Amino acid sequence: MGETADVESWLERYRRAWEGADSEGVVDLFTEDATYRSNIFADPDRGHDGVRSYWQGATGTPTEVFVRMGKPFVDGNRVAAEWWTTMCDNGEEITLPGCLLLEFAADGRCASLREYWQVAEGRLDPPEEWGR
């Protein structure tokens, strides 16, 4: 990976898949043996089936999902990127900001994803310095 334009394209596809609850679209972004860790204290979801299963559970009920991606930090095949999401989940408006830590395979697909996130009530805007 390594090229910022390629990373930004990957992040844009990830963003669109999240907003559209598109589990098949997101699976295409990952290698067949990828790991997807949304909770550092739990085992990662593995491979396309694991990513699909996690994604269907995480994106199945929220509505009015709006995702913003920050400018990525790229170091070879490793990337860090902030995200800021607002949505309606089980009738409640929430804000879900976080950070993706990604490792890419030579073919441009993600081989490893770790994310860290917070949640707050209501639809909040990011602080001025967010996403730079």
C-alpha atoms as a PDB file:
ATOM      1  CA  MET A   1       0.000   0.000   0.000  1.00  0.00           C
ATOM      2  CA  GLY A   2       2.084   2.956   1.143  1.00  0.00           C
ATOM      3  CA  GLU A   3       0.619   5.604  -1.194  1.00  0.00           C
ATOM      4  CA  THR A   4      -1.631   8.072   0.602  1.00  0.00           C
ATOM      5  CA  ALA A   5      -4.019   8.171  -2.383  1.00  0.00           C
ATOM      6  CA  ASP A   6      -4.442   4.368  -2.242  1.00  0.00           C
ATOM      7  CA  VAL A   7      -5.062   4.508   1.508  1.00  0.00           C
ATOM      8  CA  GLU A   8      -7.590   7.311   1.118  1.00  0.00           C
ATOM      9  CA  SER A   9      -9.378   5.305  -1.570  1.00  0.00           C
ATOM     10  CA  TRP A  10      -9.510   2.259   0.750  1.00  0.00           C
ATOM     11  CA  LEU A  11     -10.820   4.428   3.610  1.00  0.00           C
ATOM     12  CA  GLU A  12     -13.471   5.941   1.337  1.00  0.00           C
ATOM     13  CA  ARG A  13     -14.670   2.469   0.332  1.00  0.00           C
ATOM     14  CA  TYR A  14     -14.732   1.465   4.026  1.00  0.00           C
ATOM     15  CA  ARG A  15     -16.692   4.648   4.874  1.00  0.00           C
ATOM     16  CA  ARG A  16     -19.270   4.010   2.147  1.00  0.00           C
ATOM     17  CA  ALA A  17     -19.643   0.367   3.200  1.00  0.00           C
ATOM     18  CA  TRP A  18     -20.261   1.459   6.791  1.00  0.00           C
ATOM     19  CA  GLU A  19     -22.863   4.046   5.830  1.00  0.00           C
ATOM     20  CA  GLY A  20     -24.577   1.512   3.577  1.00  0.00           C
ATOM     21  CA  ALA A  21     -24.279  -1.457   5.976  1.00  0.00           C
ATOM     22  CA  ASP A  22     -22.623  -3.251   3.045  1.00  0.00           C
ATOM     23  CA  SER A  23     -21.016  -6.355   4.556  1.00  0.00           C
ATOM     24  CA  GLU A  24     -20.019  -7.765   1.152  1.00  0.00           C
ATOM     25  CA  GLY A  25     -18.436  -4.458   0.131  1.00  0.00           C
ATOM     26  CA  VAL A  26     -16.362  -4.355   3.290  1.00  0.00           C
ATOM     27  CA  VAL A  27     -15.284  -8.005   2.975  1.00  0.00           C
ATOM     28  CA  ASP A  28     -13.724  -7.174  -0.418  1.00  0.00           C
ATOM     29  CA  LEU A  29     -11.386  -4.741   1.375  1.00  0.00           C
ATOM     30  CA  PHE A  30      -9.754  -7.528   3.419  1.00  0.00           C
ATOM     31  CA  THR A  31      -7.448 -10.453   2.680  1.00  0.00           C
ATOM     32  CA  GLU A  32      -8.864 -13.958   3.040  1.00  0.00           C
ATOM     33  CA  ASP A  33      -6.929 -14.466   6.301  1.00  0.00           C
ATOM     34  CA  ALA A  34      -7.378 -10.948   7.725  1.00  0.00           C
ATOM     35  CA  THR A  35      -7.917 -10.239  11.404  1.00  0.00           C
ATOM     36  CA  TYR A  36     -10.501  -7.663  12.512  1.00  0.00           C
ATOM     37  CA  ARG A  37     -10.242  -6.662  16.163  1.00  0.00           C
ATOM     38  CA  SER A  38     -12.944  -4.243  17.309  1.00  0.00           C
ATOM     39  CA  ASN A  39     -12.362  -4.975  21.008  1.00  0.00           C
ATOM     40  CA  ILE A  40      -8.783  -5.241  22.240  1.00  0.00           C
ATOM     41  CA  PHE A  41      -9.912  -7.550  25.070  1.00  0.00           C
ATOM     42  CA  ALA A  42     -11.591 -10.080  22.749  1.00  0.00           C
ATOM     43  CA  ASP A  43     -10.259 -12.415  20.100  1.00  0.00           C
ATOM     44  CA  PRO A  44     -10.277 -10.895  16.610  1.00  0.00           C
ATOM     45  CA  ASP A  45     -12.730 -11.932  13.948  1.00  0.00           C
ATOM     46  CA  ARG A  46     -10.816 -13.892  11.304  1.00  0.00           C
ATOM     47  CA  GLY A  47     -11.028 -14.152   7.539  1.00  0.00           C
ATOM     48  CA  HIS A  48     -13.835 -13.080   5.260  1.00  0.00           C
ATOM     49  CA  ASP A  49     -16.455 -15.020   7.242  1.00  0.00           C
ATOM     50  CA  GLY A  50     -15.353 -13.368  10.496  1.00  0.00           C
ATOM     51  CA  VAL A  51     -15.321  -9.862   8.995  1.00  0.00           C
ATOM     52  CA  ARG A  52     -18.735 -10.444   7.413  1.00  0.00           C
ATOM     53  CA  SER A  53     -20.231 -11.776  10.651  1.00  0.00           C
ATOM     54  CA  TYR A  54     -18.859  -8.911  12.732  1.00  0.00           C
ATOM     55  CA  TRP A  55     -19.937  -6.321  10.182  1.00  0.00           C
ATOM     56  CA  GLN A  56     -23.495  -7.695   9.902  1.00  0.00           C
ATOM     57  CA  GLY A  57     -23.867  -7.518  13.685  1.00  0.00           C
ATOM     58  CA  ALA A  58     -22.311  -4.069  14.054  1.00  0.00           C
ATOM     59  CA  THR A  59     -24.082  -2.373  11.145  1.00  0.00           C
ATOM     60  CA  GLY A  60     -27.366  -4.287  11.099  1.00  0.00           C
ATOM     61  CA  THR A  61     -29.524  -2.053  13.321  1.00  0.00           C
ATOM     62  CA  PRO A  62     -28.146   1.534  13.222  1.00  0.00           C
ATOM     63  CA  THR A  63     -29.839   4.004  10.870  1.00  0.00           C
ATOM     64  CA  GLU A  64     -28.988   7.498   9.637  1.00  0.00           C
ATOM     65  CA  VAL A  65     -25.289   6.597   9.752  1.00  0.00           C
ATOM     66  CA  PHE A  66     -22.888   9.394   8.788  1.00  0.00           C
ATOM     67  CA  VAL A  67     -19.147   8.561   8.765  1.00  0.00           C
ATOM     68  CA  ARG A  68     -16.209  10.948   8.407  1.00  0.00           C
ATOM     69  CA  MET A  69     -12.632   9.800   7.965  1.00  0.00           C
ATOM     70  CA  GLY A  70      -9.624  11.842   9.039  1.00  0.00           C
ATOM     71  CA  LYS A  71      -6.400  12.253   7.117  1.00  0.00           C
ATOM     72  CA  PRO A  72      -4.472   8.982   7.455  1.00  0.00           C
ATOM     73  CA  PHE A  73      -0.968   8.614   8.842  1.00  0.00           C
ATOM     74  CA  VAL A  74       0.913   6.241   6.519  1.00  0.00           C
ATOM     75  CA  ASP A  75       4.142   4.406   7.385  1.00  0.00           C
ATOM     76  CA  GLY A  76       4.851   1.814   4.688  1.00  0.00           C
ATOM     77  CA  ASN A  77       2.083  -0.789   4.962  1.00  0.00           C
ATOM     78  CA  ARG A  78       0.849   0.531   8.320  1.00  0.00           C
ATOM     79  CA  VAL A  79      -1.849   3.182   8.601  1.00  0.00           C
ATOM     80  CA  ALA A  80      -3.619   5.029  11.397  1.00  0.00           C
ATOM     81  CA  ALA A  81      -6.793   6.980  10.650  1.00  0.00           C
ATOM     82  CA  GLU A  82      -9.386   8.624  12.847  1.00  0.00           C
ATOM     83  CA  TRP A  83     -13.097   8.214  12.159  1.00  0.00           C
ATOM     84  CA  TRP A  84     -16.114  10.117  13.468  1.00  0.00           C
ATOM     85  CA  THR A  85     -19.566   8.595  13.135  1.00  0.00           C
ATOM     86  CA  THR A  86     -23.026   9.758  14.119  1.00  0.00           C
ATOM     87  CA  MET A  87     -26.039   7.477  13.941  1.00  0.00           C
ATOM     88  CA  CYS A  88     -29.338   6.444  15.407  1.00  0.00           C
ATOM     89  CA  ASP A  89     -28.963   3.133  17.267  1.00  0.00           C
ATOM     90  CA  ASN A  90     -32.029   1.497  18.828  1.00  0.00           C
ATOM     91  CA  GLY A  91     -33.868   4.830  18.665  1.00  0.00           C
ATOM     92  CA  GLU A  92     -31.060   6.779  20.351  1.00  0.00           C
ATOM     93  CA  GLU A  93     -28.827   9.300  18.593  1.00  0.00           C
ATOM     94  CA  ILE A  94     -25.165   8.638  19.342  1.00  0.00           C
ATOM     95  CA  THR A  95     -21.708   9.767  18.325  1.00  0.00           C
ATOM     96  CA  LEU A  96     -19.014   7.150  17.869  1.00  0.00           C
ATOM     97  CA  PRO A  97     -15.475   8.486  17.303  1.00  0.00           C
ATOM     98  CA  GLY A  98     -12.495   6.188  16.981  1.00  0.00           C
ATOM     99  CA  CYS A  99      -9.224   5.255  15.349  1.00  0.00           C
ATOM    100  CA  LEU A 100      -8.318   2.478  12.919  1.00  0.00           C
ATOM    101  CA  LEU A 101      -4.885   0.860  13.027  1.00  0.00           C
ATOM    102  CA  LEU A 102      -4.393  -1.009   9.767  1.00  0.00           C
ATOM    103  CA  GLU A 103      -1.775  -3.223   8.141  1.00  0.00           C
ATOM    104  CA  PHE A 104      -2.017  -3.776   4.409  1.00  0.00           C
ATOM    105  CA  ALA A 105      -0.956  -6.673   2.199  1.00  0.00           C
ATOM    106  CA  ALA A 106       0.982  -6.048  -1.019  1.00  0.00           C
ATOM    107  CA  ASP A 107      -2.259  -6.283  -3.057  1.00  0.00           C
ATOM    108  CA  GLY A 108      -3.784  -3.256  -1.273  1.00  0.00           C
ATOM    109  CA  ARG A 109      -6.231  -5.183   0.894  1.00  0.00           C
ATOM    110  CA  CYS A 110      -6.181  -4.953   4.675  1.00  0.00           C
ATOM    111  CA  ALA A 111      -4.537  -7.884   6.485  1.00  0.00           C
ATOM    112  CA  SER A 112      -5.093  -6.573  10.025  1.00  0.00           C
ATOM    113  CA  LEU A 113      -7.483  -4.049  11.557  1.00  0.00           C
ATOM    114  CA  ARG A 114      -7.566  -2.904  15.167  1.00  0.00           C
ATOM    115  CA  GLU A 115      -9.920  -0.159  16.258  1.00  0.00           C
ATOM    116  CA  TYR A 116     -10.344   1.863  19.404  1.00  0.00           C
ATOM    117  CA  TRP A 117     -13.520   3.870  19.947  1.00  0.00           C
ATOM    118  CA  GLN A 118     -15.692   5.840  22.357  1.00  0.00           C
ATOM    119  CA  VAL A 119     -19.427   6.478  22.418  1.00  0.00           C
ATOM    120  CA  ALA A 120     -21.418   9.524  23.544  1.00  0.00           C
ATOM    121  CA  GLU A 121     -25.103  10.383  23.570  1.00  0.00           C
ATOM    122  CA  GLY A 122     -26.398  12.736  20.876  1.00  0.00           C
ATOM    123  CA  ARG A 123     -25.000  13.837  17.528  1.00  0.00           C
ATOM    124  CA  LEU A 124     -21.797  15.727  18.279  1.00  0.00           C
ATOM    125  CA  ASP A 125     -19.348  17.479  15.963  1.00  0.00           C
ATOM    126  CA  PRO A 126     -15.645  16.695  16.202  1.00  0.00           C
ATOM    127  CA  PRO A 127     -13.272  19.192  17.814  1.00  0.00           C
ATOM    128  CA  GLU A 128     -11.489  21.635  15.524  1.00  0.00           C
ATOM    129  CA  GLU A 129      -8.191  19.706  15.508  1.00  0.00           C
ATOM    130  CA  TRP A 130      -9.847  16.353  14.717  1.00  0.00           C
ATOM    131  CA  GLY A 131      -8.879  14.450  11.580  1.00  0.00           C
ATOM    132  CA  ARG A 132      -5.771  16.384  10.571  1.00  0.00           C
END
